[in-house]
Amino acid sequence: MVKRQAYQPILITDASRSQNDQLTSRQRRYVLMMGIRVACIIVGAILVGANAPLLWVWLPLCALGMVLIPWLAVLLANDRPPKEEHRLANRFHSRRQDETPPMSLTAEERPHKVIDIEP
């Protein structure tokens, strides 16, 4: 007897985003973070030029932003979601199995029970 695999439909909510959408969102995030870096540079230059009070606090914060933000921007721009076979969630939690698979056997294909009646 040939075993049939139950057909498991893929829900649209299970579909991952297209590579184009992922790339676009990563590019936008990178540009936004680099814009914040430019703002840190500009604010630092304005603070030095204006000889602002508490300059010793603001300049290290701006410098920290100028150093950490590009590093984070590159890390996040290169980050992609894991591939389906590498997701831990799928290894530990299988899909919910319904009692009746979507493609069930017809009446002719179902195995018949044989009742043994001994005299």
C-alpha atoms as a PDB file:
ATOM      1  CA  MET A   1       0.000   0.000   0.000  1.00  0.00           C
ATOM      2  CA  VAL A   2       1.329   3.421  -0.918  1.00  0.00           C
ATOM      3  CA  LYS A   3       1.372   5.986   1.850  1.00  0.00           C
ATOM      4  CA  ARG A   4       0.035   9.389   0.984  1.00  0.00           C
ATOM      5  CA  GLN A   5       1.399  12.478   2.604  1.00  0.00           C
ATOM      6  CA  ALA A   6      -1.203  14.751   4.047  1.00  0.00           C
ATOM      7  CA  TYR A   7      -1.293  18.064   2.235  1.00  0.00           C
ATOM      8  CA  GLN A   8      -0.417  20.899   4.604  1.00  0.00           C
ATOM      9  CA  PRO A   9      -1.448  24.275   3.202  1.00  0.00           C
ATOM     10  CA  ILE A  10       0.812  27.224   3.936  1.00  0.00           C
ATOM     11  CA  LEU A  11      -0.986  30.063   5.602  1.00  0.00           C
ATOM     12  CA  ILE A  12      -0.201  33.500   4.264  1.00  0.00           C
ATOM     13  CA  THR A  13       0.760  34.552   7.798  1.00  0.00           C
ATOM     14  CA  ASP A  14       3.525  31.925   7.735  1.00  0.00           C
ATOM     15  CA  ALA A  15       5.083  33.361   4.589  1.00  0.00           C
ATOM     16  CA  SER A  16       8.253  35.348   5.122  1.00  0.00           C
ATOM     17  CA  ARG A  17       8.773  38.806   3.702  1.00  0.00           C
ATOM     18  CA  SER A  18      10.316  38.988   0.258  1.00  0.00           C
ATOM     19  CA  GLN A  19      14.033  39.625  -0.027  1.00  0.00           C
ATOM     20  CA  ASN A  20      13.313  42.937  -1.721  1.00  0.00           C
ATOM     21  CA  ASP A  21      11.179  44.120   1.230  1.00  0.00           C
ATOM     22  CA  GLN A  22      13.825  42.984   3.717  1.00  0.00           C
ATOM     23  CA  LEU A  23      16.566  44.806   1.817  1.00  0.00           C
ATOM     24  CA  THR A  24      14.495  47.996   1.584  1.00  0.00           C
ATOM     25  CA  SER A  25      13.766  48.043   5.328  1.00  0.00           C
ATOM     26  CA  ARG A  26      17.449  47.405   6.158  1.00  0.00           C
ATOM     27  CA  GLN A  27      18.511  50.232   3.834  1.00  0.00           C
ATOM     28  CA  ARG A  28      16.037  52.641   5.432  1.00  0.00           C
ATOM     29  CA  ARG A  29      17.234  51.698   8.923  1.00  0.00           C
ATOM     30  CA  TYR A  30      20.864  52.226   7.860  1.00  0.00           C
ATOM     31  CA  VAL A  31      20.161  55.662   6.360  1.00  0.00           C
ATOM     32  CA  LEU A  32      18.204  56.693   9.470  1.00  0.00           C
ATOM     33  CA  MET A  33      21.024  55.622  11.805  1.00  0.00           C
ATOM     34  CA  MET A  34      23.654  57.379   9.712  1.00  0.00           C
ATOM     35  CA  GLY A  35      21.447  60.489   9.771  1.00  0.00           C
ATOM     36  CA  ILE A  36      21.498  60.319  13.570  1.00  0.00           C
ATOM     37  CA  ARG A  37      25.298  60.069  13.393  1.00  0.00           C
ATOM     38  CA  VAL A  38      25.478  63.197  11.239  1.00  0.00           C
ATOM     39  CA  ALA A  39      23.201  64.948  13.742  1.00  0.00           C
ATOM     40  CA  CYS A  40      25.618  63.960  16.561  1.00  0.00           C
ATOM     41  CA  ILE A  41      28.520  65.474  14.621  1.00  0.00           C
ATOM     42  CA  ILE A  42      26.605  68.704  13.956  1.00  0.00           C
ATOM     43  CA  VAL A  43      25.392  69.005  17.566  1.00  0.00           C
ATOM     44  CA  GLY A  44      28.941  68.384  18.833  1.00  0.00           C
ATOM     45  CA  ALA A  45      30.322  71.116  16.548  1.00  0.00           C
ATOM     46  CA  ILE A  46      27.611  73.569  17.644  1.00  0.00           C
ATOM     47  CA  LEU A  47      28.254  72.822  21.321  1.00  0.00           C
ATOM     48  CA  VAL A  48      32.008  73.405  20.924  1.00  0.00           C
ATOM     49  CA  GLY A  49      31.422  76.603  18.948  1.00  0.00           C
ATOM     50  CA  ALA A  50      28.922  77.971  21.450  1.00  0.00           C
ATOM     51  CA  ASN A  51      31.064  76.953  24.451  1.00  0.00           C
ATOM     52  CA  ALA A  52      27.975  75.381  26.031  1.00  0.00           C
ATOM     53  CA  PRO A  53      27.705  74.731  29.766  1.00  0.00           C
ATOM     54  CA  LEU A  54      28.441  71.139  30.815  1.00  0.00           C
ATOM     55  CA  LEU A  55      30.442  70.643  27.622  1.00  0.00           C
ATOM     56  CA  TRP A  56      32.387  67.860  29.347  1.00  0.00           C
ATOM     57  CA  VAL A  57      29.136  65.824  29.532  1.00  0.00           C
ATOM     58  CA  TRP A  58      27.728  66.530  26.071  1.00  0.00           C
ATOM     59  CA  LEU A  59      30.861  65.982  23.995  1.00  0.00           C
ATOM     60  CA  PRO A  60      31.493  62.399  25.205  1.00  0.00           C
ATOM     61  CA  LEU A  61      27.823  61.589  24.527  1.00  0.00           C
ATOM     62  CA  CYS A  62      28.123  62.957  20.987  1.00  0.00           C
ATOM     63  CA  ALA A  63      31.419  61.100  20.473  1.00  0.00           C
ATOM     64  CA  LEU A  64      29.854  57.883  21.737  1.00  0.00           C
ATOM     65  CA  GLY A  65      27.012  58.344  19.265  1.00  0.00           C
ATOM     66  CA  MET A  66      29.476  58.999  16.441  1.00  0.00           C
ATOM     67  CA  VAL A  67      31.391  55.782  17.210  1.00  0.00           C
ATOM     68  CA  LEU A  68      28.641  53.327  18.211  1.00  0.00           C
ATOM     69  CA  ILE A  69      25.942  54.269  15.727  1.00  0.00           C
ATOM     70  CA  PRO A  70      27.933  53.396  12.557  1.00  0.00           C
ATOM     71  CA  TRP A  71      28.940  50.064  14.074  1.00  0.00           C
ATOM     72  CA  LEU A  72      25.323  49.245  14.965  1.00  0.00           C
ATOM     73  CA  ALA A  73      24.097  50.503  11.586  1.00  0.00           C
ATOM     74  CA  VAL A  74      26.370  48.097   9.722  1.00  0.00           C
ATOM     75  CA  LEU A  75      25.432  45.177  11.972  1.00  0.00           C
ATOM     76  CA  LEU A  76      21.712  45.802  11.564  1.00  0.00           C
ATOM     77  CA  ALA A  77      21.983  46.448   7.815  1.00  0.00           C
ATOM     78  CA  ASN A  78      23.643  43.066   7.295  1.00  0.00           C
ATOM     79  CA  ASP A  79      21.258  41.209   9.591  1.00  0.00           C
ATOM     80  CA  ARG A  80      18.675  39.004   7.920  1.00  0.00           C
ATOM     81  CA  PRO A  81      16.022  36.821   9.483  1.00  0.00           C
ATOM     82  CA  PRO A  82      17.087  33.198   9.913  1.00  0.00           C
ATOM     83  CA  LYS A  83      16.174  30.691   7.246  1.00  0.00           C
ATOM     84  CA  GLU A  84      13.177  28.502   7.905  1.00  0.00           C
ATOM     85  CA  GLU A  85      15.156  25.331   8.652  1.00  0.00           C
ATOM     86  CA  HIS A  86      17.306  27.137  11.218  1.00  0.00           C
ATOM     87  CA  ARG A  87      14.531  28.549  13.358  1.00  0.00           C
ATOM     88  CA  LEU A  88      14.521  27.037  16.806  1.00  0.00           C
ATOM     89  CA  ALA A  89      10.802  27.541  17.160  1.00  0.00           C
ATOM     90  CA  ASN A  90      10.113  25.099  14.332  1.00  0.00           C
ATOM     91  CA  ARG A  91      12.381  22.488  15.846  1.00  0.00           C
ATOM     92  CA  PHE A  92      10.587  22.457  19.154  1.00  0.00           C
ATOM     93  CA  HIS A  93       7.033  23.300  18.118  1.00  0.00           C
ATOM     94  CA  SER A  94       5.605  21.456  15.169  1.00  0.00           C
ATOM     95  CA  ARG A  95       2.559  22.763  13.409  1.00  0.00           C
ATOM     96  CA  ARG A  96      -0.755  21.957  14.947  1.00  0.00           C
ATOM     97  CA  GLN A  97      -1.991  18.714  13.488  1.00  0.00           C
ATOM     98  CA  ASP A  98      -5.697  18.510  12.823  1.00  0.00           C
ATOM     99  CA  GLU A  99      -7.439  15.217  13.295  1.00  0.00           C
ATOM    100  CA  THR A 100      -8.604  15.243   9.705  1.00  0.00           C
ATOM    101  CA  PRO A 101      -5.962  16.234   7.164  1.00  0.00           C
ATOM    102  CA  PRO A 102      -7.084  18.584   4.379  1.00  0.00           C
ATOM    103  CA  MET A 103      -6.796  15.825   1.755  1.00  0.00           C
ATOM    104  CA  SER A 104      -8.332  12.741   3.274  1.00  0.00           C
ATOM    105  CA  LEU A 105      -8.747   9.349   1.648  1.00  0.00           C
ATOM    106  CA  THR A 106     -11.915   8.551  -0.235  1.00  0.00           C
ATOM    107  CA  ALA A 107     -14.155   5.716   0.915  1.00  0.00           C
ATOM    108  CA  GLU A 108     -12.613   3.346  -1.654  1.00  0.00           C
ATOM    109  CA  GLU A 109      -9.064   4.140  -0.536  1.00  0.00           C
ATOM    110  CA  ARG A 110      -9.684   3.641   3.184  1.00  0.00           C
ATOM    111  CA  PRO A 111      -8.509   0.354   4.607  1.00  0.00           C
ATOM    112  CA  HIS A 112     -11.382  -1.880   5.568  1.00  0.00           C
ATOM    113  CA  LYS A 113     -11.559  -3.509   8.942  1.00  0.00           C
ATOM    114  CA  VAL A 114     -11.678  -7.230   8.760  1.00  0.00           C
ATOM    115  CA  ILE A 115     -13.636  -8.868  11.510  1.00  0.00           C
ATOM    116  CA  ASP A 116     -12.478 -12.320  12.358  1.00  0.00           C
ATOM    117  CA  ILE A 117     -15.324 -14.523  13.515  1.00  0.00           C
ATOM    118  CA  GLU A 118     -14.180 -17.876  14.709  1.00  0.00           C
ATOM    119  CA  PRO A 119     -16.710 -20.721  14.866  1.00  0.00           C
END
